[in-house]
Amino acid sequence: MTATISAANGAGSTVPLTILSPWETQYEARNVIHDLIGGDVAVSLVAPRPRNGSMDLLYATESDAFAAIALHREETTFTLTDTDRPSVSMSYVTDGNLGIRLDESTLSAWIVSVGYQELTP
């Protein structure tokens, strides 16, 4: 994937080598199910939340990885644009944990994990 992540507040952007596989995202269903006295159910239909999850970003250097963490610590929204996989592109806010770790297979590349909540597309 060829991805660029930009901060809406002008704090900058980051370009990971790739977004690591597997790419996985979820949509939280928000339907409300009510139990009725006779044993049936009544349902209040509510549209699902926009997608959320966690993505792992690969960086060649420690300094690039820590710069990506610093960018994601900004109080702003972000835009992810991926030219190879347009379905991955989104506007999001950080949600949950931000993490950084040394890639065990290379011992030179770094992986940044970003929890995200997509904003309404």
PDB file of N, CA and C in Angstrom:
ATOM      1  N   MET A   1       0.840  -1.179   0.000  1.00  0.00           N
ATOM      2  CA  MET A   1       0.000   0.000   0.000  1.00  0.00           C
ATOM      3  C   MET A   1       0.890   1.249   0.000  1.00  0.00           C
ATOM      4  N   THR A   2       0.475   2.272  -0.716  1.00  0.00           N
ATOM      5  CA  THR A   2       1.148   3.556  -0.698  1.00  0.00           C
ATOM      6  C   THR A   2       0.242   4.524   0.043  1.00  0.00           C
ATOM      7  N   ALA A   3       0.595   4.829   1.275  1.00  0.00           N
ATOM      8  CA  ALA A   3      -0.284   5.595   2.146  1.00  0.00           C
ATOM      9  C   ALA A   3       0.377   6.891   2.597  1.00  0.00           C
ATOM     10  N   THR A   4      -0.460   7.913   2.773  1.00  0.00           N
ATOM     11  CA  THR A   4      -0.049   9.178   3.377  1.00  0.00           C
ATOM     12  C   THR A   4      -1.088   9.540   4.424  1.00  0.00           C
ATOM     13  N   ILE A   5      -0.616   9.953   5.595  1.00  0.00           N
ATOM     14  CA  ILE A   5      -1.502  10.374   6.677  1.00  0.00           C
ATOM     15  C   ILE A   5      -1.190  11.828   6.976  1.00  0.00           C
ATOM     16  N   SER A   6      -2.227  12.673   6.932  1.00  0.00           N
ATOM     17  CA  SER A   6      -2.057  14.111   7.156  1.00  0.00           C
ATOM     18  C   SER A   6      -2.906  14.564   8.326  1.00  0.00           C
ATOM     19  N   ALA A   7      -2.345  15.458   9.134  1.00  0.00           N
ATOM     20  CA  ALA A   7      -3.065  16.031  10.266  1.00  0.00           C
ATOM     21  C   ALA A   7      -3.844  17.254   9.791  1.00  0.00           C
ATOM     22  N   ALA A   8      -5.104  17.366  10.201  1.00  0.00           N
ATOM     23  CA  ALA A   8      -5.955  18.472   9.774  1.00  0.00           C
ATOM     24  C   ALA A   8      -5.523  19.817  10.354  1.00  0.00           C
ATOM     25  N   ASN A   9      -4.803  19.803  11.484  1.00  0.00           N
ATOM     26  CA  ASN A   9      -4.401  21.052  12.121  1.00  0.00           C
ATOM     27  C   ASN A   9      -3.112  21.629  11.536  1.00  0.00           C
ATOM     28  N   GLY A  10      -2.587  21.010  10.486  1.00  0.00           N
ATOM     29  CA  GLY A  10      -1.369  21.509   9.856  1.00  0.00           C
ATOM     30  C   GLY A  10      -0.085  21.049  10.521  1.00  0.00           C
ATOM     31  N   ALA A  11      -0.180  20.120  11.468  1.00  0.00           N
ATOM     32  CA  ALA A  11       1.014  19.645  12.195  1.00  0.00           C
ATOM     33  C   ALA A  11       1.938  18.815  11.322  1.00  0.00           C
ATOM     34  N   GLY A  12       1.480  18.412  10.146  1.00  0.00           N
ATOM     35  CA  GLY A  12       2.346  17.665   9.246  1.00  0.00           C
ATOM     36  C   GLY A  12       1.696  16.408   8.721  1.00  0.00           C
ATOM     37  N   SER A  13       2.545  15.572   8.156  1.00  0.00           N
ATOM     38  CA  SER A  13       2.067  14.302   7.599  1.00  0.00           C
ATOM     39  C   SER A  13       3.145  13.249   7.800  1.00  0.00           C
ATOM     40  N   THR A  14       2.745  12.013   7.571  1.00  0.00           N
ATOM     41  CA  THR A  14       3.664  10.886   7.683  1.00  0.00           C
ATOM     42  C   THR A  14       3.387   9.924   6.542  1.00  0.00           C
ATOM     43  N   VAL A  15       4.449   9.293   6.055  1.00  0.00           N
ATOM     44  CA  VAL A  15       4.331   8.348   4.950  1.00  0.00           C
ATOM     45  C   VAL A  15       4.996   7.036   5.374  1.00  0.00           C
ATOM     46  N   PRO A  16       4.199   6.086   5.870  1.00  0.00           N
ATOM     47  CA  PRO A  16       4.780   4.798   6.242  1.00  0.00           C
ATOM     48  C   PRO A  16       5.230   4.035   5.001  1.00  0.00           C
ATOM     49  N   LEU A  17       6.152   3.088   5.191  1.00  0.00           N
ATOM     50  CA  LEU A  17       6.541   2.232   4.075  1.00  0.00           C
ATOM     51  C   LEU A  17       5.333   1.466   3.564  1.00  0.00           C
ATOM     52  N   THR A  18       4.494   1.022   4.500  1.00  0.00           N
ATOM     53  CA  THR A  18       3.265   0.306   4.161  1.00  0.00           C
ATOM     54  C   THR A  18       2.377   0.226   5.389  1.00  0.00           C
ATOM     55  N   ILE A  19       1.117  -0.078   5.152  1.00  0.00           N
ATOM     56  CA  ILE A  19       0.207  -0.463   6.224  1.00  0.00           C
ATOM     57  C   ILE A  19       0.253  -1.978   6.239  1.00  0.00           C
ATOM     58  N   LEU A  20       0.644  -2.530   7.367  1.00  0.00           N
ATOM     59  CA  LEU A  20       0.881  -3.965   7.436  1.00  0.00           C
ATOM     60  C   LEU A  20      -0.405  -4.768   7.318  1.00  0.00           C
ATOM     61  N   SER A  21      -0.256  -5.935   6.780  1.00  0.00           N
ATOM     62  CA  SER A  21      -1.345  -6.880   6.627  1.00  0.00           C
ATOM     63  C   SER A  21      -1.370  -7.787   7.854  1.00  0.00           C
ATOM     64  N   PRO A  22      -2.495  -8.247   8.317  1.00  0.00           N
ATOM     65  CA  PRO A  22      -3.786  -8.073   7.679  1.00  0.00           C
ATOM     66  C   PRO A  22      -4.405  -6.740   8.051  1.00  0.00           C
ATOM     67  N   TRP A  23      -5.000  -6.071   7.059  1.00  0.00           N
ATOM     68  CA  TRP A  23      -5.809  -4.883   7.307  1.00  0.00           C
ATOM     69  C   TRP A  23      -7.161  -5.389   7.775  1.00  0.00           C
ATOM     70  N   GLU A  24      -7.601  -4.921   8.909  1.00  0.00           N
ATOM     71  CA  GLU A  24      -8.874  -5.377   9.452  1.00  0.00           C
ATOM     72  C   GLU A  24      -9.598  -4.193  10.055  1.00  0.00           C
ATOM     73  N   THR A  25     -10.881  -4.107   9.811  1.00  0.00           N
ATOM     74  CA  THR A  25     -11.692  -3.029  10.359  1.00  0.00           C
ATOM     75  C   THR A  25     -13.045  -3.587  10.767  1.00  0.00           C
ATOM     76  N   GLN A  26     -13.725  -2.883  11.645  1.00  0.00           N
ATOM     77  CA  GLN A  26     -15.034  -3.324  12.109  1.00  0.00           C
ATOM     78  C   GLN A  26     -16.033  -2.179  11.994  1.00  0.00           C
ATOM     79  N   TYR A  27     -17.303  -2.555  11.895  1.00  0.00           N
ATOM     80  CA  TYR A  27     -18.410  -1.610  11.958  1.00  0.00           C
ATOM     81  C   TYR A  27     -19.270  -2.042  13.139  1.00  0.00           C
ATOM     82  N   GLU A  28     -19.459  -1.162  14.109  1.00  0.00           N
ATOM     83  CA  GLU A  28     -20.252  -1.510  15.286  1.00  0.00           C
ATOM     84  C   GLU A  28     -21.736  -1.331  14.986  1.00  0.00           C
ATOM     85  N   ALA A  29     -22.487  -2.429  15.048  1.00  0.00           N
ATOM     86  CA  ALA A  29     -23.934  -2.366  14.872  1.00  0.00           C
ATOM     87  C   ALA A  29     -24.537  -1.702  16.099  1.00  0.00           C
ATOM     88  N   ARG A  30     -25.559  -0.883  15.893  1.00  0.00           N
ATOM     89  CA  ARG A  30     -26.158  -0.166  17.023  1.00  0.00           C
ATOM     90  C   ARG A  30     -27.657  -0.401  17.134  1.00  0.00           C
ATOM     91  N   ASN A  31     -28.173  -1.449  16.488  1.00  0.00           N
ATOM     92  CA  ASN A  31     -29.594  -1.758  16.642  1.00  0.00           C
ATOM     93  C   ASN A  31     -29.886  -2.059  18.101  1.00  0.00           C
ATOM     94  N   VAL A  32     -31.083  -1.668  18.537  1.00  0.00           N
ATOM     95  CA  VAL A  32     -31.491  -1.926  19.914  1.00  0.00           C
ATOM     96  C   VAL A  32     -32.606  -2.964  19.881  1.00  0.00           C
ATOM     97  N   ILE A  33     -32.401  -4.051  20.611  1.00  0.00           N
ATOM     98  CA  ILE A  33     -33.371  -5.142  20.629  1.00  0.00           C
ATOM     99  C   ILE A  33     -34.055  -5.149  21.993  1.00  0.00           C
ATOM    100  N   HIS A  34     -35.402  -5.088  21.956  1.00  0.00           N
ATOM    101  CA  HIS A  34     -36.197  -5.032  23.179  1.00  0.00           C
ATOM    102  C   HIS A  34     -36.934  -6.361  23.343  1.00  0.00           C
ATOM    103  N   ASP A  35     -36.786  -6.992  24.494  1.00  0.00           N
ATOM    104  CA  ASP A  35     -37.554  -8.202  24.795  1.00  0.00           C
ATOM    105  C   ASP A  35     -38.984  -7.810  25.158  1.00  0.00           C
ATOM    106  N   LEU A  36     -39.942  -8.500  24.548  1.00  0.00           N
ATOM    107  CA  LEU A  36     -41.348  -8.250  24.846  1.00  0.00           C
ATOM    108  C   LEU A  36     -41.882  -9.336  25.777  1.00  0.00           C
ATOM    109  N   ILE A  37     -42.906  -9.019  26.520  1.00  0.00           N
ATOM    110  CA  ILE A  37     -43.456  -9.940  27.507  1.00  0.00           C
ATOM    111  C   ILE A  37     -43.876 -11.267  26.881  1.00  0.00           C
ATOM    112  N   GLY A  38     -44.448 -11.276  25.708  1.00  0.00           N
ATOM    113  CA  GLY A  38     -44.921 -12.503  25.083  1.00  0.00           C
ATOM    114  C   GLY A  38     -43.813 -13.373  24.496  1.00  0.00           C
ATOM    115  N   GLY A  39     -42.572 -12.968  24.607  1.00  0.00           N
ATOM    116  CA  GLY A  39     -41.471 -13.767  24.090  1.00  0.00           C
ATOM    117  C   GLY A  39     -40.891 -13.264  22.779  1.00  0.00           C
ATOM    118  N   ASP A  40     -41.590 -12.370  22.123  1.00  0.00           N
ATOM    119  CA  ASP A  40     -41.071 -11.779  20.890  1.00  0.00           C
ATOM    120  C   ASP A  40     -40.067 -10.680  21.219  1.00  0.00           C
ATOM    121  N   VAL A  41     -39.577 -10.066  20.159  1.00  0.00           N
ATOM    122  CA  VAL A  41     -38.690  -8.924  20.323  1.00  0.00           C
ATOM    123  C   VAL A  41     -39.165  -7.792  19.427  1.00  0.00           C
ATOM    124  N   ALA A  42     -38.880  -6.588  19.845  1.00  0.00           N
ATOM    125  CA  ALA A  42     -39.079  -5.396  19.025  1.00  0.00           C
ATOM    126  C   ALA A  42     -37.697  -4.829  18.764  1.00  0.00           C
ATOM    127  N   VAL A  43     -37.502  -4.307  17.571  1.00  0.00           N
ATOM    128  CA  VAL A  43     -36.174  -3.826  17.187  1.00  0.00           C
ATOM    129  C   VAL A  43     -36.241  -2.362  16.792  1.00  0.00           C
ATOM    130  N   SER A  44     -35.333  -1.570  17.352  1.00  0.00           N
ATOM    131  CA  SER A  44     -35.133  -0.186  16.908  1.00  0.00           C
ATOM    132  C   SER A  44     -33.903  -0.194  16.013  1.00  0.00           C
ATOM    133  N   LEU A  45     -34.107   0.107  14.735  1.00  0.00           N
ATOM    134  CA  LEU A  45     -33.012   0.056  13.770  1.00  0.00           C
ATOM    135  C   LEU A  45     -32.196   1.350  13.816  1.00  0.00           C
ATOM    136  N   VAL A  46     -30.890   1.196  13.953  1.00  0.00           N
ATOM    137  CA  VAL A  46     -29.968   2.329  14.001  1.00  0.00           C
ATOM    138  C   VAL A  46     -28.799   2.007  13.067  1.00  0.00           C
ATOM    139  N   ALA A  47     -28.399   2.971  12.269  1.00  0.00           N
ATOM    140  CA  ALA A  47     -27.285   2.751  11.340  1.00  0.00           C
ATOM    141  C   ALA A  47     -26.009   2.406  12.111  1.00  0.00           C
ATOM    142  N   PRO A  48     -25.166   1.540  11.546  1.00  0.00           N
ATOM    143  CA  PRO A  48     -23.907   1.213  12.217  1.00  0.00           C
ATOM    144  C   PRO A  48     -22.990   2.428  12.317  1.00  0.00           C
ATOM    145  N   ARG A  49     -22.116   2.381  13.287  1.00  0.00           N
ATOM    146  CA  ARG A  49     -21.079   3.396  13.416  1.00  0.00           C
ATOM    147  C   ARG A  49     -20.131   3.291  12.233  1.00  0.00           C
ATOM    148  N   PRO A  50     -19.442   4.381  11.874  1.00  0.00           N
ATOM    149  CA  PRO A  50     -18.378   4.242  10.879  1.00  0.00           C
ATOM    150  C   PRO A  50     -17.312   3.270  11.400  1.00  0.00           C
ATOM    151  N   ARG A  51     -16.495   2.772  10.526  1.00  0.00           N
ATOM    152  CA  ARG A  51     -15.534   1.727  10.891  1.00  0.00           C
ATOM    153  C   ARG A  51     -14.537   2.178  11.953  1.00  0.00           C
ATOM    154  N   ASN A  52     -14.023   1.198  12.663  1.00  0.00           N
ATOM    155  CA  ASN A  52     -13.014   1.449  13.696  1.00  0.00           C
ATOM    156  C   ASN A  52     -12.099   0.241  13.777  1.00  0.00           C
ATOM    157  N   GLY A  53     -10.986   0.419  14.423  1.00  0.00           N
ATOM    158  CA  GLY A  53     -10.042  -0.681  14.573  1.00  0.00           C
ATOM    159  C   GLY A  53      -8.670  -0.170  14.945  1.00  0.00           C
ATOM    160  N   SER A  54      -7.670  -0.905  14.525  1.00  0.00           N
ATOM    161  CA  SER A  54      -6.283  -0.545  14.770  1.00  0.00           C
ATOM    162  C   SER A  54      -5.490  -0.867  13.511  1.00  0.00           C
ATOM    163  N   MET A  55      -4.575   0.016  13.143  1.00  0.00           N
ATOM    164  CA  MET A  55      -3.730  -0.246  11.981  1.00  0.00           C
ATOM    165  C   MET A  55      -2.272  -0.206  12.396  1.00  0.00           C
ATOM    166  N   ASP A  56      -1.478  -1.049  11.759  1.00  0.00           N
ATOM    167  CA  ASP A  56      -0.042  -1.109  12.004  1.00  0.00           C
ATOM    168  C   ASP A  56       0.685  -0.492  10.822  1.00  0.00           C
ATOM    169  N   LEU A  57       1.482   0.525  11.111  1.00  0.00           N
ATOM    170  CA  LEU A  57       2.217   1.260  10.098  1.00  0.00           C
ATOM    171  C   LEU A  57       3.697   0.912  10.204  1.00  0.00           C
ATOM    172  N   LEU A  58       4.327   0.577   9.101  1.00  0.00           N
ATOM    173  CA  LEU A  58       5.737   0.179   9.087  1.00  0.00           C
ATOM    174  C   LEU A  58       6.602   1.358   8.675  1.00  0.00           C
ATOM    175  N   TYR A  59       7.667   1.611   9.448  1.00  0.00           N
ATOM    176  CA  TYR A  59       8.623   2.685   9.170  1.00  0.00           C
ATOM    177  C   TYR A  59      10.034   2.118   9.116  1.00  0.00           C
ATOM    178  N   ALA A  60      10.852   2.692   8.249  1.00  0.00           N
ATOM    179  CA  ALA A  60      12.225   2.209   8.069  1.00  0.00           C
ATOM    180  C   ALA A  60      13.133   2.590   9.226  1.00  0.00           C
ATOM    181  N   THR A  61      12.843   3.726   9.868  1.00  0.00           N
ATOM    182  CA  THR A  61      13.751   4.203  10.914  1.00  0.00           C
ATOM    183  C   THR A  61      13.002   4.497  12.212  1.00  0.00           C
ATOM    184  N   GLU A  62      13.741   4.462  13.283  1.00  0.00           N
ATOM    185  CA  GLU A  62      13.203   4.774  14.604  1.00  0.00           C
ATOM    186  C   GLU A  62      12.697   6.215  14.648  1.00  0.00           C
ATOM    187  N   SER A  63      13.450   7.138  14.061  1.00  0.00           N
ATOM    188  CA  SER A  63      13.038   8.551  14.103  1.00  0.00           C
ATOM    189  C   SER A  63      11.734   8.774  13.335  1.00  0.00           C
ATOM    190  N   ASP A  64      11.538   8.109  12.198  1.00  0.00           N
ATOM    191  CA  ASP A  64      10.282   8.228  11.452  1.00  0.00           C
ATOM    192  C   ASP A  64       9.116   7.676  12.267  1.00  0.00           C
ATOM    193  N   ALA A  65       9.341   6.558  12.956  1.00  0.00           N
ATOM    194  CA  ALA A  65       8.290   5.943  13.763  1.00  0.00           C
ATOM    195  C   ALA A  65       7.899   6.847  14.931  1.00  0.00           C
ATOM    196  N   PHE A  66       8.882   7.414  15.618  1.00  0.00           N
ATOM    197  CA  PHE A  66       8.562   8.295  16.740  1.00  0.00           C
ATOM    198  C   PHE A  66       7.924   9.594  16.265  1.00  0.00           C
ATOM    199  N   ALA A  67       8.266  10.060  15.073  1.00  0.00           N
ATOM    200  CA  ALA A  67       7.608  11.237  14.502  1.00  0.00           C
ATOM    201  C   ALA A  67       6.138  10.927  14.199  1.00  0.00           C
ATOM    202  N   ALA A  68       5.858   9.693  13.744  1.00  0.00           N
ATOM    203  CA  ALA A  68       4.472   9.288  13.477  1.00  0.00           C
ATOM    204  C   ALA A  68       3.671   9.241  14.780  1.00  0.00           C
ATOM    205  N   ILE A  69       4.286   8.749  15.854  1.00  0.00           N
ATOM    206  CA  ILE A  69       3.610   8.741  17.162  1.00  0.00           C
ATOM    207  C   ILE A  69       3.329  10.169  17.609  1.00  0.00           C
ATOM    208  N   ALA A  70       4.324  11.050  17.482  1.00  0.00           N
ATOM    209  CA  ALA A  70       4.144  12.450  17.886  1.00  0.00           C
ATOM    210  C   ALA A  70       3.018  13.104  17.088  1.00  0.00           C
ATOM    211  N   LEU A  71       2.951  12.821  15.800  1.00  0.00           N
ATOM    212  CA  LEU A  71       1.885  13.368  14.967  1.00  0.00           C
ATOM    213  C   LEU A  71       0.522  12.882  15.454  1.00  0.00           C
ATOM    214  N   HIS A  72       0.415  11.594  15.746  1.00  0.00           N
ATOM    215  CA  HIS A  72      -0.860  11.029  16.193  1.00  0.00           C
ATOM    216  C   HIS A  72      -1.234  11.447  17.615  1.00  0.00           C
ATOM    217  N   ARG A  73      -0.329  12.051  18.355  1.00  0.00           N
ATOM    218  CA  ARG A  73      -0.649  12.575  19.685  1.00  0.00           C
ATOM    219  C   ARG A  73      -1.253  13.970  19.609  1.00  0.00           C
ATOM    220  N   GLU A  74      -1.265  14.563  18.426  1.00  0.00           N
ATOM    221  CA  GLU A  74      -1.880  15.875  18.231  1.00  0.00           C
ATOM    222  C   GLU A  74      -3.388  15.787  18.452  1.00  0.00           C
ATOM    223  N   GLU A  75      -3.972  16.850  18.967  1.00  0.00           N
ATOM    224  CA  GLU A  75      -5.426  16.916  19.162  1.00  0.00           C
ATOM    225  C   GLU A  75      -6.058  17.412  17.870  1.00  0.00           C
ATOM    226  N   THR A  76      -6.249  16.483  16.932  1.00  0.00           N
ATOM    227  CA  THR A  76      -6.769  16.843  15.625  1.00  0.00           C
ATOM    228  C   THR A  76      -7.361  15.613  14.951  1.00  0.00           C
ATOM    229  N   THR A  77      -7.907  15.804  13.791  1.00  0.00           N
ATOM    230  CA  THR A  77      -8.353  14.693  12.958  1.00  0.00           C
ATOM    231  C   THR A  77      -7.275  14.409  11.924  1.00  0.00           C
ATOM    232  N   PHE A  78      -7.361  13.235  11.312  1.00  0.00           N
ATOM    233  CA  PHE A  78      -6.351  12.799  10.342  1.00  0.00           C
ATOM    234  C   PHE A  78      -7.034  12.316   9.073  1.00  0.00           C
ATOM    235  N   THR A  79      -6.325  12.439   7.967  1.00  0.00           N
ATOM    236  CA  THR A  79      -6.796  11.913   6.693  1.00  0.00           C
ATOM    237  C   THR A  79      -5.781  10.889   6.204  1.00  0.00           C
ATOM    238  N   LEU A  80      -6.259   9.683   5.989  1.00  0.00           N
ATOM    239  CA  LEU A  80      -5.444   8.609   5.422  1.00  0.00           C
ATOM    240  C   LEU A  80      -5.827   8.486   3.953  1.00  0.00           C
ATOM    241  N   THR A  81      -4.849   8.620   3.083  1.00  0.00           N
ATOM    242  CA  THR A  81      -5.054   8.450   1.650  1.00  0.00           C
ATOM    243  C   THR A  81      -4.153   7.325   1.180  1.00  0.00           C
ATOM    244  N   ASP A  82      -4.739   6.326   0.549  1.00  0.00           N
ATOM    245  CA  ASP A  82      -3.973   5.194   0.040  1.00  0.00           C
ATOM    246  C   ASP A  82      -4.250   5.053  -1.452  1.00  0.00           C
ATOM    247  N   THR A  83      -3.225   5.217  -2.268  1.00  0.00           N
ATOM    248  CA  THR A  83      -3.408   5.172  -3.722  1.00  0.00           C
ATOM    249  C   THR A  83      -3.569   3.757  -4.249  1.00  0.00           C
ATOM    250  N   ASP A  84      -2.988   2.768  -3.572  1.00  0.00           N
ATOM    251  CA  ASP A  84      -3.091   1.381  -4.026  1.00  0.00           C
ATOM    252  C   ASP A  84      -4.405   0.726  -3.617  1.00  0.00           C
ATOM    253  N   ARG A  85      -4.917   1.094  -2.462  1.00  0.00           N
ATOM    254  CA  ARG A  85      -6.156   0.528  -1.934  1.00  0.00           C
ATOM    255  C   ARG A  85      -7.068   1.674  -1.485  1.00  0.00           C
ATOM    256  N   PRO A  86      -7.785   2.298  -2.420  1.00  0.00           N
ATOM    257  CA  PRO A  86      -8.625   3.449  -2.066  1.00  0.00           C
ATOM    258  C   PRO A  86      -9.663   3.153  -0.982  1.00  0.00           C
ATOM    259  N   SER A  87     -10.095   1.908  -0.842  1.00  0.00           N
ATOM    260  CA  SER A  87     -11.097   1.585   0.176  1.00  0.00           C
ATOM    261  C   SER A  87     -10.561   1.761   1.594  1.00  0.00           C
ATOM    262  N   VAL A  88      -9.256   1.822   1.767  1.00  0.00           N
ATOM    263  CA  VAL A  88      -8.635   2.030   3.073  1.00  0.00           C
ATOM    264  C   VAL A  88      -8.668   3.508   3.459  1.00  0.00           C
ATOM    265  N   SER A  89      -8.720   4.391   2.483  1.00  0.00           N
ATOM    266  CA  SER A  89      -8.681   5.834   2.739  1.00  0.00           C
ATOM    267  C   SER A  89      -9.846   6.263   3.622  1.00  0.00           C
ATOM    268  N   MET A  90      -9.575   7.238   4.522  1.00  0.00           N
ATOM    269  CA  MET A  90     -10.616   7.705   5.441  1.00  0.00           C
ATOM    270  C   MET A  90     -10.129   8.925   6.200  1.00  0.00           C
ATOM    271  N   SER A  91     -11.070   9.614   6.833  1.00  0.00           N
ATOM    272  CA  SER A  91     -10.777  10.616   7.854  1.00  0.00           C
ATOM    273  C   SER A  91     -11.051   9.939   9.187  1.00  0.00           C
ATOM    274  N   TYR A  92     -10.188  10.187  10.171  1.00  0.00           N
ATOM    275  CA  TYR A  92     -10.331   9.489  11.452  1.00  0.00           C
ATOM    276  C   TYR A  92      -9.759  10.308  12.600  1.00  0.00           C
ATOM    277  N   VAL A  93     -10.084   9.872  13.802  1.00  0.00           N
ATOM    278  CA  VAL A  93      -9.464  10.358  15.031  1.00  0.00           C
ATOM    279  C   VAL A  93      -8.824   9.158  15.714  1.00  0.00           C
ATOM    280  N   THR A  94      -7.828   9.427  16.530  1.00  0.00           N
ATOM    281  CA  THR A  94      -7.236   8.323  17.281  1.00  0.00           C
ATOM    282  C   THR A  94      -8.227   7.882  18.350  1.00  0.00           C
ATOM    283  N   ASP A  95      -8.220   6.594  18.625  1.00  0.00           N
ATOM    284  CA  ASP A  95      -9.140   6.015  19.599  1.00  0.00           C
ATOM    285  C   ASP A  95      -8.448   4.817  20.218  1.00  0.00           C
ATOM    286  N   GLY A  96      -8.347   4.807  21.513  1.00  0.00           N
ATOM    287  CA  GLY A  96      -7.656   3.688  22.160  1.00  0.00           C
ATOM    288  C   GLY A  96      -6.162   3.961  22.246  1.00  0.00           C
ATOM    289  N   ASN A  97      -5.391   2.944  21.949  1.00  0.00           N
ATOM    290  CA  ASN A  97      -3.950   3.024  22.172  1.00  0.00           C
ATOM    291  C   ASN A  97      -3.156   3.426  20.945  1.00  0.00           C
ATOM    292  N   LEU A  98      -2.045   4.115  21.205  1.00  0.00           N
ATOM    293  CA  LEU A  98      -0.990   4.347  20.229  1.00  0.00           C
ATOM    294  C   LEU A  98       0.205   3.553  20.737  1.00  0.00           C
ATOM    295  N   GLY A  99       0.861   2.808  19.857  1.00  0.00           N
ATOM    296  CA  GLY A  99       1.996   1.993  20.298  1.00  0.00           C
ATOM    297  C   GLY A  99       3.121   2.022  19.291  1.00  0.00           C
ATOM    298  N   ILE A 100       4.292   1.671  19.767  1.00  0.00           N
ATOM    299  CA  ILE A 100       5.461   1.605  18.902  1.00  0.00           C
ATOM    300  C   ILE A 100       6.300   0.410  19.333  1.00  0.00           C
ATOM    301  N   ARG A 101       6.827  -0.325  18.347  1.00  0.00           N
ATOM    302  CA  ARG A 101       7.655  -1.487  18.671  1.00  0.00           C
ATOM    303  C   ARG A 101       8.651  -1.747  17.545  1.00  0.00           C
ATOM    304  N   LEU A 102       9.747  -2.347  17.915  1.00  0.00           N
ATOM    305  CA  LEU A 102      10.771  -2.749  16.955  1.00  0.00           C
ATOM    306  C   LEU A 102      10.271  -3.981  16.210  1.00  0.00           C
ATOM    307  N   ASP A 103      10.422  -3.991  14.893  1.00  0.00           N
ATOM    308  CA  ASP A 103      10.011  -5.140  14.084  1.00  0.00           C
ATOM    309  C   ASP A 103      10.949  -6.310  14.371  1.00  0.00           C
ATOM    310  N   GLU A 104      10.392  -7.401  14.895  1.00  0.00           N
ATOM    311  CA  GLU A 104      11.205  -8.551  15.296  1.00  0.00           C
ATOM    312  C   GLU A 104      11.876  -9.248  14.118  1.00  0.00           C
ATOM    313  N   SER A 105      11.293  -9.178  12.937  1.00  0.00           N
ATOM    314  CA  SER A 105      11.878  -9.898  11.799  1.00  0.00           C
ATOM    315  C   SER A 105      13.085  -9.180  11.212  1.00  0.00           C
ATOM    316  N   THR A 106      13.125  -7.843  11.307  1.00  0.00           N
ATOM    317  CA  THR A 106      14.264  -7.108  10.735  1.00  0.00           C
ATOM    318  C   THR A 106      15.202  -6.552  11.790  1.00  0.00           C
ATOM    319  N   LEU A 107      14.690  -6.275  12.963  1.00  0.00           N
ATOM    320  CA  LEU A 107      15.423  -5.617  14.048  1.00  0.00           C
ATOM    321  C   LEU A 107      15.990  -4.262  13.632  1.00  0.00           C
ATOM    322  N   SER A 108      15.394  -3.684  12.580  1.00  0.00           N
ATOM    323  CA  SER A 108      15.788  -2.325  12.178  1.00  0.00           C
ATOM    324  C   SER A 108      14.566  -1.473  11.827  1.00  0.00           C
ATOM    325  N   ALA A 109      13.517  -2.088  11.316  1.00  0.00           N
ATOM    326  CA  ALA A 109      12.281  -1.360  11.007  1.00  0.00           C
ATOM    327  C   ALA A 109      11.450  -1.215  12.281  1.00  0.00           C
ATOM    328  N   TRP A 110      10.511  -0.276  12.259  1.00  0.00           N
ATOM    329  CA  TRP A 110       9.673   0.004  13.418  1.00  0.00           C
ATOM    330  C   TRP A 110       8.204  -0.042  13.020  1.00  0.00           C
ATOM    331  N   ILE A 111       7.367  -0.485  13.942  1.00  0.00           N
ATOM    332  CA  ILE A 111       5.930  -0.597  13.704  1.00  0.00           C
ATOM    333  C   ILE A 111       5.196   0.325  14.673  1.00  0.00           C
ATOM    334  N   VAL A 112       4.341   1.161  14.117  1.00  0.00           N
ATOM    335  CA  VAL A 112       3.506   2.054  14.906  1.00  0.00           C
ATOM    336  C   VAL A 112       2.073   1.561  14.812  1.00  0.00           C
ATOM    337  N   SER A 113       1.447   1.318  15.955  1.00  0.00           N
ATOM    338  CA  SER A 113       0.041   0.872  15.991  1.00  0.00           C
ATOM    339  C   SER A 113      -0.829   2.074  16.369  1.00  0.00           C
ATOM    340  N   VAL A 114      -1.891   2.274  15.601  1.00  0.00           N
ATOM    341  CA  VAL A 114      -2.790   3.403  15.824  1.00  0.00           C
ATOM    342  C   VAL A 114      -4.221   2.891  15.922  1.00  0.00           C
ATOM    343  N   GLY A 115      -4.842   3.083  17.081  1.00  0.00           N
ATOM    344  CA  GLY A 115      -6.270   2.803  17.216  1.00  0.00           C
ATOM    345  C   GLY A 115      -7.022   3.964  16.587  1.00  0.00           C
ATOM    346  N   TYR A 116      -8.068   3.669  15.820  1.00  0.00           N
ATOM    347  CA  TYR A 116      -8.779   4.732  15.118  1.00  0.00           C
ATOM    348  C   TYR A 116     -10.292   4.552  15.166  1.00  0.00           C
ATOM    349  N   GLN A 117     -10.978   5.665  15.025  1.00  0.00           N
ATOM    350  CA  GLN A 117     -12.425   5.708  14.799  1.00  0.00           C
ATOM    351  C   GLN A 117     -12.635   6.592  13.574  1.00  0.00           C
ATOM    352  N   GLU A 118     -13.185   5.984  12.514  1.00  0.00           N
ATOM    353  CA  GLU A 118     -13.451   6.761  11.309  1.00  0.00           C
ATOM    354  C   GLU A 118     -14.511   7.803  11.595  1.00  0.00           C
ATOM    355  N   LEU A 119     -14.380   8.947  10.950  1.00  0.00           N
ATOM    356  CA  LEU A 119     -15.399   9.966  11.017  1.00  0.00           C
ATOM    357  C   LEU A 119     -16.408   9.699   9.910  1.00  0.00           C
ATOM    358  N   THR A 120     -17.618  10.194  10.037  1.00  0.00           N
ATOM    359  CA  THR A 120     -18.640   9.928   9.036  1.00  0.00           C
ATOM    360  C   THR A 120     -18.118  10.273   7.656  1.00  0.00           C
ATOM    361  N   PRO A 121     -18.133   9.279   6.759  1.00  0.00           N
ATOM    362  CA  PRO A 121     -17.581   9.520   5.420  1.00  0.00           C
ATOM    363  C   PRO A 121     -18.384  10.536   4.628  1.00  0.00           C
TER     364      PRO A 121
END
